[in-house]
Amino acid sequence: MSSTITVRVDENVKKQAGNVFKNVGMDMSTAINVFLKQVIRSNGIPFPISADIPNEVTMKAIKDAEKGKMASFSSIEELMEDLND
C-alpha cells in the first residue's frame, strides 16, 4: 500500500537534488523512500548519499583510457616524475 507525503521545498533545492538523484540513477520518490528506510534502519538521521563527480583531470584520464590512450613508462623514476608534474 502506498501513501502520499506533501513536502514544501525551495524550487532550486528541489531541482539541484533532482539532478543529484538522476546522477545516481534515482528519481525523487525513490530517493525519498531510500532516505525513509535508512531513517528506520538507523533509528535516526542516516548517512549522506552523494554522487562522486570526477574533476577535469580525472575525466580526461577516463576519456583517454576509453580511447586506448594510456601512458606508458620505461622506469619507476619516469612514472614518478610524471605523477609529480
Protein backbone atom coordinates (compact mmCIF):
# COMPACT_ATOMS: atom_id res chain seq x y z
CA MET A 1 0.00 0.00 0.00
CA SER A 2 1.32 3.47 -0.87
CA SER A 3 0.81 6.75 0.91
CA THR A 4 1.39 10.30 -0.29
CA ILE A 5 3.58 12.84 1.51
CA THR A 6 3.44 16.52 0.57
CA VAL A 7 6.59 18.46 1.35
CA ARG A 8 7.35 22.10 0.58
CA VAL A 9 10.91 22.76 -0.53
CA ASP A 10 12.70 25.60 -2.23
CA GLU A 11 12.40 25.21 -6.01
CA ASN A 12 16.16 25.50 -6.51
CA VAL A 13 16.84 22.86 -3.82
CA LYS A 14 14.36 20.50 -5.49
CA LYS A 15 16.00 21.00 -8.89
CA GLN A 16 19.55 20.52 -7.59
CA ALA A 17 18.59 17.46 -5.55
CA GLY A 18 16.74 16.03 -8.56
CA ASN A 19 19.92 16.38 -10.63
CA VAL A 20 21.96 14.57 -7.95
CA PHE A 21 19.39 11.77 -7.75
CA LYS A 22 19.40 11.47 -11.53
CA ASN A 23 23.21 11.14 -11.47
CA VAL A 24 22.92 8.16 -9.11
CA GLY A 25 20.05 6.60 -11.06
CA MET A 26 17.08 7.56 -8.89
CA ASP A 27 14.01 9.69 -9.18
CA MET A 28 12.84 11.92 -6.33
CA SER A 29 10.32 9.40 -5.00
CA THR A 30 12.86 6.56 -4.90
CA ALA A 31 15.43 8.78 -3.18
CA ILE A 32 12.95 9.82 -0.51
CA ASN A 33 11.94 6.19 0.06
CA VAL A 34 15.62 5.22 0.43
CA PHE A 35 16.05 8.04 2.94
CA LEU A 36 13.00 6.99 4.97
CA LYS A 37 14.08 3.33 5.04
CA GLN A 38 17.51 4.38 6.27
CA VAL A 39 15.90 6.52 8.99
CA ILE A 40 14.05 3.41 10.18
CA ARG A 41 17.12 1.16 9.91
CA SER A 42 19.41 3.56 11.81
CA ASN A 43 16.69 4.82 14.16
CA GLY A 44 17.86 8.35 13.39
CA ILE A 45 19.12 10.56 10.60
CA PRO A 46 21.03 8.30 8.16
CA PHE A 47 24.31 8.69 6.33
CA PRO A 48 24.55 11.18 3.43
CA ILE A 49 24.12 9.89 -0.12
CA SER A 50 26.16 11.70 -2.74
CA ALA A 51 27.41 11.31 -6.28
CA ASP A 52 31.11 11.49 -6.92
CA ILE A 53 31.80 13.79 -9.84
CA PRO A 54 35.29 13.36 -11.28
CA ASN A 55 37.36 16.52 -11.68
CA GLU A 56 38.66 17.72 -15.05
CA VAL A 57 41.97 15.83 -14.85
CA THR A 58 40.26 12.57 -13.92
CA MET A 59 37.68 12.98 -16.71
CA LYS A 60 40.49 13.47 -19.24
CA ALA A 61 42.23 10.31 -17.97
CA ILE A 62 38.97 8.34 -18.22
CA LYS A 63 38.35 9.55 -21.78
CA ASP A 64 41.95 8.81 -22.79
CA ALA A 65 41.69 5.30 -21.33
CA GLU A 66 38.41 4.69 -23.19
CA LYS A 67 40.18 5.70 -26.42
CA GLY A 68 43.11 3.40 -25.63
CA LYS A 69 45.42 6.35 -25.00
CA MET A 70 47.25 5.06 -21.96
CA ALA A 71 50.53 6.49 -20.73
CA SER A 72 53.44 4.10 -20.57
CA PHE A 73 56.70 4.50 -18.72
CA SER A 74 60.06 2.79 -19.08
CA SER A 75 61.00 3.17 -15.41
CA ILE A 76 59.62 3.88 -11.97
CA GLU A 77 61.53 7.16 -11.97
CA GLU A 78 59.81 8.23 -15.20
CA LEU A 79 56.42 7.34 -13.72
CA MET A 80 57.15 9.24 -10.51
CA GLU A 81 58.32 12.26 -12.48
CA ASP A 82 55.07 12.28 -14.44
CA LEU A 83 52.99 11.90 -11.26
CA ASN A 84 54.79 14.78 -9.59
CA ASP A 85 54.26 17.19 -12.51
